[in-house]
Amino acid sequence: MPSSTQKLLQFLAKVLQKYSGTGLGLSISECLVNLMQGNMWVESEVSKRSSYSRSHRTFPKEYEHLRSIPIVVLALSIPRLNPQDLTSALITALEPNTVSPVSAPNDVVFDILLAEDNTVSQALAVKILEKYGHTVEITENGSLAVEAFKARVQANKPFDIILMDVSMPFMGGMEATELIRAYEIHKGLLLTPIIALTAHAMIGDRERCLQAGMDDHITKPLRRGELLNSINNLIG
């Protein structure tokens, strides 16, 4: 795990430990339930247990995007929060069960290059892809992705598809894609499908990715159905 990510998780763990029990989580939950025009309440028995309940109406259309927001609950009984445990919990939460149906066949596997600098996103992608039998090679920036791509071509073992994060240190995904496309054209190679991964869903992002030479665009956090269906649509 890169030192920067490790330090961030350690800092987050310290903050959560310091301010645990302040009711911040309950306040956030109450706000979300209020947005759904509902109520939330707690029933507690001394020295036994507490149960939290909520009721809400159908999601208002303007807040429909809140339905898929993952929530990680941190128990106050944990004396010290391990950053690795937090990472594992985030990965589990970010792979929701309620996703769009997966149309990808289970018996077709691909060799995939993942260019991604975030360790949580790396682990989530690998968990999803390996579950369906795919193999994944990870690089942490665009420059390394270009090198890995060229090395595989020279070894006559090209990747079937590339998942390219748009924002990475040293070299971003768009520049890396442009270099890969230039190399393919120079060598007379078939174009390898490239899917852009981005944490932003701004107007024009998809168009910019396609203009750089990418074939599809999906937003993070990754969702199993969206990722696998995108891969299958391009090379299935």
C-alpha atoms as a PDB file:
ATOM      1  CA  MET A   1       0.000   0.000   0.000  1.00  0.00           C
ATOM      2  CA  PRO A   2       1.501   3.400  -0.991  1.00  0.00           C
ATOM      3  CA  SER A   3       2.637   5.477   1.970  1.00  0.00           C
ATOM      4  CA  SER A   4       0.294   8.348   1.071  1.00  0.00           C
ATOM      5  CA  THR A   5      -2.770   6.096   1.152  1.00  0.00           C
ATOM      6  CA  GLN A   6      -1.562   4.399   4.335  1.00  0.00           C
ATOM      7  CA  LYS A   7      -1.142   7.779   6.043  1.00  0.00           C
ATOM      8  CA  LEU A   8      -4.622   8.859   4.902  1.00  0.00           C
ATOM      9  CA  LEU A   9      -6.238   5.728   6.341  1.00  0.00           C
ATOM     10  CA  GLN A  10      -4.259   6.101   9.575  1.00  0.00           C
ATOM     11  CA  PHE A  11      -5.378   9.726   9.853  1.00  0.00           C
ATOM     12  CA  LEU A  12      -9.002   8.765   9.196  1.00  0.00           C
ATOM     13  CA  ALA A  13      -8.792   6.045  11.833  1.00  0.00           C
ATOM     14  CA  LYS A  14      -7.431   8.516  14.396  1.00  0.00           C
ATOM     15  CA  VAL A  15     -10.165  11.039  13.624  1.00  0.00           C
ATOM     16  CA  LEU A  16     -12.871   8.398  13.957  1.00  0.00           C
ATOM     17  CA  GLN A  17     -11.433   7.221  17.265  1.00  0.00           C
ATOM     18  CA  LYS A  18     -11.130  10.745  18.632  1.00  0.00           C
ATOM     19  CA  TYR A  19     -14.649  11.803  17.716  1.00  0.00           C
ATOM     20  CA  SER A  20     -16.455   8.478  18.069  1.00  0.00           C
ATOM     21  CA  GLY A  21     -19.629   8.758  20.096  1.00  0.00           C
ATOM     22  CA  THR A  22     -20.309  12.388  19.175  1.00  0.00           C
ATOM     23  CA  GLY A  23     -23.461  11.437  17.294  1.00  0.00           C
ATOM     24  CA  LEU A  24     -22.170  12.596  13.914  1.00  0.00           C
ATOM     25  CA  GLY A  25     -23.153   9.329  12.240  1.00  0.00           C
ATOM     26  CA  LEU A  26     -26.664   9.537  13.641  1.00  0.00           C
ATOM     27  CA  SER A  27     -26.985  13.128  12.478  1.00  0.00           C
ATOM     28  CA  ILE A  28     -25.964  12.189   8.937  1.00  0.00           C
ATOM     29  CA  SER A  29     -28.362   9.231   8.959  1.00  0.00           C
ATOM     30  CA  GLU A  30     -31.165  11.482  10.169  1.00  0.00           C
ATOM     31  CA  CYS A  31     -30.503  13.937   7.342  1.00  0.00           C
ATOM     32  CA  LEU A  32     -30.632  11.146   4.753  1.00  0.00           C
ATOM     33  CA  VAL A  33     -33.879   9.777   6.174  1.00  0.00           C
ATOM     34  CA  ASN A  34     -35.380  13.284   6.247  1.00  0.00           C
ATOM     35  CA  LEU A  35     -34.525  13.672   2.565  1.00  0.00           C
ATOM     36  CA  MET A  36     -36.605  10.535   1.994  1.00  0.00           C
ATOM     37  CA  GLN A  37     -39.463  12.152   3.934  1.00  0.00           C
ATOM     38  CA  GLY A  38     -39.207   9.526   6.650  1.00  0.00           C
ATOM     39  CA  ASN A  39     -38.471   9.058  10.338  1.00  0.00           C
ATOM     40  CA  MET A  40     -35.747   7.363  12.341  1.00  0.00           C
ATOM     41  CA  TRP A  41     -35.881   6.194  15.965  1.00  0.00           C
ATOM     42  CA  VAL A  42     -33.989   4.105  18.497  1.00  0.00           C
ATOM     43  CA  GLU A  43     -35.190   1.535  21.038  1.00  0.00           C
ATOM     44  CA  SER A  44     -32.710   0.761  23.796  1.00  0.00           C
ATOM     45  CA  GLU A  45     -32.486  -1.526  26.808  1.00  0.00           C
ATOM     46  CA  VAL A  46     -29.927  -0.728  29.510  1.00  0.00           C
ATOM     47  CA  SER A  47     -26.931  -3.077  29.420  1.00  0.00           C
ATOM     48  CA  LYS A  48     -28.559  -5.113  26.661  1.00  0.00           C
ATOM     49  CA  ARG A  49     -28.903  -3.678  23.196  1.00  0.00           C
ATOM     50  CA  SER A  50     -30.038  -0.814  21.008  1.00  0.00           C
ATOM     51  CA  SER A  51     -31.950  -1.140  17.768  1.00  0.00           C
ATOM     52  CA  TYR A  52     -32.229   1.607  15.186  1.00  0.00           C
ATOM     53  CA  SER A  53     -35.220   1.717  12.859  1.00  0.00           C
ATOM     54  CA  ARG A  54     -36.336   3.917  10.015  1.00  0.00           C
ATOM     55  CA  SER A  55     -39.342   4.360   7.783  1.00  0.00           C
ATOM     56  CA  HIS A  56     -39.539   6.398   4.621  1.00  0.00           C
ATOM     57  CA  ARG A  57     -41.642   6.998   1.579  1.00  0.00           C
ATOM     58  CA  THR A  58     -40.591   6.338  -1.988  1.00  0.00           C
ATOM     59  CA  PHE A  59     -37.439   8.224  -2.965  1.00  0.00           C
ATOM     60  CA  PRO A  60     -38.210  11.671  -4.392  1.00  0.00           C
ATOM     61  CA  LYS A  61     -36.861  11.778  -7.956  1.00  0.00           C
ATOM     62  CA  GLU A  62     -34.418  14.567  -7.151  1.00  0.00           C
ATOM     63  CA  TYR A  63     -32.776  12.368  -4.486  1.00  0.00           C
ATOM     64  CA  GLU A  64     -32.882   9.070  -6.360  1.00  0.00           C
ATOM     65  CA  HIS A  65     -29.065   9.109  -6.669  1.00  0.00           C
ATOM     66  CA  LEU A  66     -28.815   8.767  -2.861  1.00  0.00           C
ATOM     67  CA  ARG A  67     -30.332   5.272  -2.986  1.00  0.00           C
ATOM     68  CA  SER A  68     -27.024   3.590  -3.926  1.00  0.00           C
ATOM     69  CA  ILE A  69     -24.759   5.458  -1.505  1.00  0.00           C
ATOM     70  CA  PRO A  70     -22.816   2.824   0.490  1.00  0.00           C
ATOM     71  CA  ILE A  71     -22.744   3.213   4.288  1.00  0.00           C
ATOM     72  CA  VAL A  72     -20.104   1.709   6.583  1.00  0.00           C
ATOM     73  CA  VAL A  73     -21.089   1.427  10.258  1.00  0.00           C
ATOM     74  CA  LEU A  74     -18.230   1.702  12.777  1.00  0.00           C
ATOM     75  CA  ALA A  75     -18.824   0.021  16.136  1.00  0.00           C
ATOM     76  CA  LEU A  76     -17.859   2.046  19.187  1.00  0.00           C
ATOM     77  CA  SER A  77     -16.794  -1.175  20.904  1.00  0.00           C
ATOM     78  CA  ILE A  78     -13.709  -1.384  18.647  1.00  0.00           C
ATOM     79  CA  PRO A  79     -10.847  -0.019  20.808  1.00  0.00           C
ATOM     80  CA  ARG A  80      -8.583   0.725  17.877  1.00  0.00           C
ATOM     81  CA  LEU A  81      -9.582   0.918  14.223  1.00  0.00           C
ATOM     82  CA  ASN A  82      -7.142  -0.895  11.949  1.00  0.00           C
ATOM     83  CA  PRO A  83      -6.635   0.884   8.589  1.00  0.00           C
ATOM     84  CA  GLN A  84      -6.599  -2.477   6.822  1.00  0.00           C
ATOM     85  CA  ASP A  85      -9.959  -3.370   8.361  1.00  0.00           C
ATOM     86  CA  LEU A  86     -11.340  -0.011   7.251  1.00  0.00           C
ATOM     87  CA  THR A  87     -10.114  -0.627   3.703  1.00  0.00           C
ATOM     88  CA  SER A  88     -11.720  -4.076   3.687  1.00  0.00           C
ATOM     89  CA  ALA A  89     -15.009  -2.630   4.925  1.00  0.00           C
ATOM     90  CA  LEU A  90     -14.962   0.054   2.241  1.00  0.00           C
ATOM     91  CA  ILE A  91     -14.345  -2.545  -0.464  1.00  0.00           C
ATOM     92  CA  THR A  92     -17.271  -4.631   0.751  1.00  0.00           C
ATOM     93  CA  ALA A  93     -19.557  -1.593   0.888  1.00  0.00           C
ATOM     94  CA  LEU A  94     -18.533  -0.399  -2.557  1.00  0.00           C
ATOM     95  CA  GLU A  95     -19.500  -3.698  -4.183  1.00  0.00           C
ATOM     96  CA  PRO A  96     -23.282  -3.415  -3.789  1.00  0.00           C
ATOM     97  CA  ASN A  97     -25.562  -6.373  -4.307  1.00  0.00           C
ATOM     98  CA  THR A  98     -28.302  -4.318  -5.936  1.00  0.00           C
ATOM     99  CA  VAL A  99     -26.716  -3.568  -9.299  1.00  0.00           C
ATOM    100  CA  SER A 100     -27.826  -3.788 -12.869  1.00  0.00           C
ATOM    101  CA  PRO A 101     -27.938  -7.351 -14.233  1.00  0.00           C
ATOM    102  CA  VAL A 102     -24.664  -8.736 -15.534  1.00  0.00           C
ATOM    103  CA  SER A 103     -24.930  -9.873 -19.140  1.00  0.00           C
ATOM    104  CA  ALA A 104     -21.312 -11.040 -19.364  1.00  0.00           C
ATOM    105  CA  PRO A 105     -20.926 -14.815 -19.910  1.00  0.00           C
ATOM    106  CA  ASN A 106     -19.165 -16.619 -17.063  1.00  0.00           C
ATOM    107  CA  ASP A 107     -17.135 -18.901 -19.332  1.00  0.00           C
ATOM    108  CA  VAL A 108     -15.281 -16.121 -21.196  1.00  0.00           C
ATOM    109  CA  VAL A 109     -12.242 -14.731 -19.370  1.00  0.00           C
ATOM    110  CA  PHE A 110      -9.980 -11.834 -20.275  1.00  0.00           C
ATOM    111  CA  ASP A 111      -6.487 -10.592 -19.518  1.00  0.00           C
ATOM    112  CA  ILE A 112      -6.984  -7.074 -18.169  1.00  0.00           C
ATOM    113  CA  LEU A 113      -4.638  -4.166 -17.473  1.00  0.00           C
ATOM    114  CA  LEU A 114      -5.840  -1.928 -14.637  1.00  0.00           C
ATOM    115  CA  ALA A 115      -4.241   1.506 -14.415  1.00  0.00           C
ATOM    116  CA  GLU A 116      -5.371   2.886 -11.045  1.00  0.00           C
ATOM    117  CA  ASP A 117      -3.500   4.606  -8.197  1.00  0.00           C
ATOM    118  CA  ASN A 118      -6.137   4.249  -5.472  1.00  0.00           C
ATOM    119  CA  THR A 119      -5.677   1.059  -3.462  1.00  0.00           C
ATOM    120  CA  VAL A 120      -9.350   0.741  -2.520  1.00  0.00           C
ATOM    121  CA  SER A 121     -10.396   1.053  -6.178  1.00  0.00           C
ATOM    122  CA  GLN A 122      -7.668  -1.438  -7.137  1.00  0.00           C
ATOM    123  CA  ALA A 123      -8.853  -4.004  -4.619  1.00  0.00           C
ATOM    124  CA  LEU A 124     -12.514  -3.499  -5.541  1.00  0.00           C
ATOM    125  CA  ALA A 125     -11.837  -3.938  -9.270  1.00  0.00           C
ATOM    126  CA  VAL A 126      -9.714  -7.044  -8.696  1.00  0.00           C
ATOM    127  CA  LYS A 127     -12.380  -8.546  -6.428  1.00  0.00           C
ATOM    128  CA  ILE A 128     -15.075  -8.044  -9.050  1.00  0.00           C
ATOM    129  CA  LEU A 129     -13.011  -9.199 -12.027  1.00  0.00           C
ATOM    130  CA  GLU A 130     -11.341 -12.222 -10.449  1.00  0.00           C
ATOM    131  CA  LYS A 131     -14.743 -13.446  -9.256  1.00  0.00           C
ATOM    132  CA  TYR A 132     -15.603 -13.884 -12.939  1.00  0.00           C
ATOM    133  CA  GLY A 133     -12.300 -15.578 -13.770  1.00  0.00           C
ATOM    134  CA  HIS A 134     -10.487 -12.622 -15.325  1.00  0.00           C
ATOM    135  CA  THR A 135      -6.795 -11.976 -14.675  1.00  0.00           C
ATOM    136  CA  VAL A 136      -5.687  -8.474 -13.715  1.00  0.00           C
ATOM    137  CA  GLU A 137      -2.330  -6.703 -13.866  1.00  0.00           C
ATOM    138  CA  ILE A 138      -2.156  -3.443 -11.917  1.00  0.00           C
ATOM    139  CA  THR A 139      -0.135  -0.318 -12.652  1.00  0.00           C
ATOM    140  CA  GLU A 140      -0.297   2.807 -10.498  1.00  0.00           C
ATOM    141  CA  ASN A 141       0.050   5.530 -13.123  1.00  0.00           C
ATOM    142  CA  GLY A 142      -0.276   6.156 -16.837  1.00  0.00           C
ATOM    143  CA  SER A 143       3.438   5.916 -17.576  1.00  0.00           C
ATOM    144  CA  LEU A 144       3.664   2.430 -16.066  1.00  0.00           C
ATOM    145  CA  ALA A 145       0.504   1.445 -17.935  1.00  0.00           C
ATOM    146  CA  VAL A 146       2.087   2.390 -21.267  1.00  0.00           C
ATOM    147  CA  GLU A 147       5.211   0.414 -20.382  1.00  0.00           C
ATOM    148  CA  ALA A 148       3.160  -2.627 -19.350  1.00  0.00           C
ATOM    149  CA  PHE A 149       1.122  -2.419 -22.552  1.00  0.00           C
ATOM    150  CA  LYS A 150       4.230  -2.277 -24.763  1.00  0.00           C
ATOM    151  CA  ALA A 151       5.902  -5.113 -22.859  1.00  0.00           C
ATOM    152  CA  ARG A 152       2.912  -7.385 -23.420  1.00  0.00           C
ATOM    153  CA  VAL A 153       2.774  -6.536 -27.123  1.00  0.00           C
ATOM    154  CA  GLN A 154       6.474  -7.297 -27.511  1.00  0.00           C
ATOM    155  CA  ALA A 155       5.987 -10.610 -25.682  1.00  0.00           C
ATOM    156  CA  ASN A 156       3.103 -11.402 -28.072  1.00  0.00           C
ATOM    157  CA  LYS A 157       0.706 -11.560 -25.109  1.00  0.00           C
ATOM    158  CA  PRO A 158      -1.351  -8.367 -25.469  1.00  0.00           C
ATOM    159  CA  PHE A 159      -4.020  -7.401 -22.983  1.00  0.00           C
ATOM    160  CA  ASP A 160      -7.609  -7.987 -24.010  1.00  0.00           C
ATOM    161  CA  ILE A 161      -8.784  -4.719 -22.469  1.00  0.00           C
ATOM    162  CA  ILE A 162      -7.484  -1.790 -20.419  1.00  0.00           C
ATOM    163  CA  LEU A 163      -9.227  -0.073 -17.503  1.00  0.00           C
ATOM    164  CA  MET A 164      -7.717   3.397 -17.316  1.00  0.00           C
ATOM    165  CA  ASP A 165      -8.196   5.813 -14.432  1.00  0.00           C
ATOM    166  CA  VAL A 166      -8.344   9.349 -15.775  1.00  0.00           C
ATOM    167  CA  SER A 167      -6.578  11.077 -12.849  1.00  0.00           C
ATOM    168  CA  MET A 168      -3.271   9.508 -11.778  1.00  0.00           C
ATOM    169  CA  PRO A 169       0.112  10.877 -10.639  1.00  0.00           C
ATOM    170  CA  PHE A 170       3.013  11.362 -13.089  1.00  0.00           C
ATOM    171  CA  MET A 171       0.805  10.671 -16.126  1.00  0.00           C
ATOM    172  CA  GLY A 172      -2.967  10.719 -16.359  1.00  0.00           C
ATOM    173  CA  GLY A 173      -5.186   8.280 -18.212  1.00  0.00           C
ATOM    174  CA  MET A 174      -5.903  10.488 -21.213  1.00  0.00           C
ATOM    175  CA  GLU A 175      -2.237  11.093 -21.994  1.00  0.00           C
ATOM    176  CA  ALA A 176      -1.483   7.399 -21.501  1.00  0.00           C
ATOM    177  CA  THR A 177      -4.329   6.477 -23.864  1.00  0.00           C
ATOM    178  CA  GLU A 178      -3.024   8.843 -26.532  1.00  0.00           C
ATOM    179  CA  LEU A 179       0.437   7.255 -26.281  1.00  0.00           C
ATOM    180  CA  ILE A 180      -1.010   3.741 -26.495  1.00  0.00           C
ATOM    181  CA  ARG A 181      -3.091   4.668 -29.540  1.00  0.00           C
ATOM    182  CA  ALA A 182      -0.077   6.254 -31.233  1.00  0.00           C
ATOM    183  CA  TYR A 183       1.979   3.104 -30.575  1.00  0.00           C
ATOM    184  CA  GLU A 184      -0.783   0.855 -31.963  1.00  0.00           C
ATOM    185  CA  ILE A 185      -1.071   2.935 -35.120  1.00  0.00           C
ATOM    186  CA  HIS A 186       2.716   3.012 -35.581  1.00  0.00           C
ATOM    187  CA  LYS A 187       2.960  -0.781 -35.214  1.00  0.00           C
ATOM    188  CA  GLY A 188      -0.167  -1.489 -37.248  1.00  0.00           C
ATOM    189  CA  LEU A 189      -1.899  -3.169 -34.300  1.00  0.00           C
ATOM    190  CA  LEU A 190      -5.584  -3.680 -33.670  1.00  0.00           C
ATOM    191  CA  LEU A 191      -6.834  -1.132 -31.155  1.00  0.00           C
ATOM    192  CA  THR A 192      -7.136  -2.476 -27.613  1.00  0.00           C
ATOM    193  CA  PRO A 193     -10.444  -1.475 -25.974  1.00  0.00           C
ATOM    194  CA  ILE A 194      -9.879   1.104 -23.226  1.00  0.00           C
ATOM    195  CA  ILE A 195     -12.474   1.970 -20.583  1.00  0.00           C
ATOM    196  CA  ALA A 196     -12.078   5.263 -18.738  1.00  0.00           C
ATOM    197  CA  LEU A 197     -12.551   5.222 -14.962  1.00  0.00           C
ATOM    198  CA  THR A 198     -13.300   8.514 -13.280  1.00  0.00           C
ATOM    199  CA  ALA A 199     -14.565   9.738  -9.936  1.00  0.00           C
ATOM    200  CA  HIS A 200     -16.341  12.610 -11.707  1.00  0.00           C
ATOM    201  CA  ALA A 201     -19.551  12.556 -13.712  1.00  0.00           C
ATOM    202  CA  MET A 202     -19.373  16.057 -15.118  1.00  0.00           C
ATOM    203  CA  ILE A 203     -20.982  17.048 -18.403  1.00  0.00           C
ATOM    204  CA  GLY A 204     -18.442  16.579 -21.179  1.00  0.00           C
ATOM    205  CA  ASP A 205     -16.252  14.032 -19.346  1.00  0.00           C
ATOM    206  CA  ARG A 206     -17.375  11.154 -21.546  1.00  0.00           C
ATOM    207  CA  GLU A 207     -16.798  13.160 -24.717  1.00  0.00           C
ATOM    208  CA  ARG A 208     -13.281  14.136 -23.620  1.00  0.00           C
ATOM    209  CA  CYS A 209     -12.441  10.517 -22.862  1.00  0.00           C
ATOM    210  CA  LEU A 210     -13.715   9.340 -26.237  1.00  0.00           C
ATOM    211  CA  GLN A 211     -11.817  12.117 -27.971  1.00  0.00           C
ATOM    212  CA  ALA A 212      -8.604  10.937 -26.285  1.00  0.00           C
ATOM    213  CA  GLY A 213      -9.120   7.497 -27.822  1.00  0.00           C
ATOM    214  CA  MET A 214     -10.997   5.652 -25.082  1.00  0.00           C
ATOM    215  CA  ASP A 215     -13.945   3.429 -25.971  1.00  0.00           C
ATOM    216  CA  ASP A 216     -16.206   3.773 -22.939  1.00  0.00           C
ATOM    217  CA  HIS A 217     -16.525   5.742 -19.714  1.00  0.00           C
ATOM    218  CA  ILE A 218     -17.760   4.619 -16.287  1.00  0.00           C
ATOM    219  CA  THR A 219     -17.740   6.436 -12.969  1.00  0.00           C
ATOM    220  CA  LYS A 220     -16.352   5.337  -9.622  1.00  0.00           C
ATOM    221  CA  PRO A 221     -17.065   3.765  -7.235  1.00  0.00           C
ATOM    222  CA  LEU A 222     -17.133   0.798  -9.587  1.00  0.00           C
ATOM    223  CA  ARG A 223     -20.331  -1.213  -9.760  1.00  0.00           C
ATOM    224  CA  ARG A 224     -20.166  -4.840 -10.767  1.00  0.00           C
ATOM    225  CA  GLY A 225     -22.919  -4.800 -13.377  1.00  0.00           C
ATOM    226  CA  GLU A 226     -21.795  -1.600 -15.061  1.00  0.00           C
ATOM    227  CA  LEU A 227     -18.138  -2.690 -15.217  1.00  0.00           C
ATOM    228  CA  LEU A 228     -18.729  -6.215 -16.505  1.00  0.00           C
ATOM    229  CA  ASN A 229     -21.377  -5.164 -19.001  1.00  0.00           C
ATOM    230  CA  SER A 230     -19.069  -2.481 -20.378  1.00  0.00           C
ATOM    231  CA  ILE A 231     -16.283  -5.029 -20.825  1.00  0.00           C
ATOM    232  CA  ASN A 232     -18.630  -7.519 -22.471  1.00  0.00           C
ATOM    233  CA  ASN A 233     -20.082  -4.900 -24.811  1.00  0.00           C
ATOM    234  CA  LEU A 234     -16.600  -4.037 -26.079  1.00  0.00           C
ATOM    235  CA  ILE A 235     -15.004  -7.467 -26.410  1.00  0.00           C
ATOM    236  CA  GLY A 236     -17.591 -10.067 -25.436  1.00  0.00           C
END
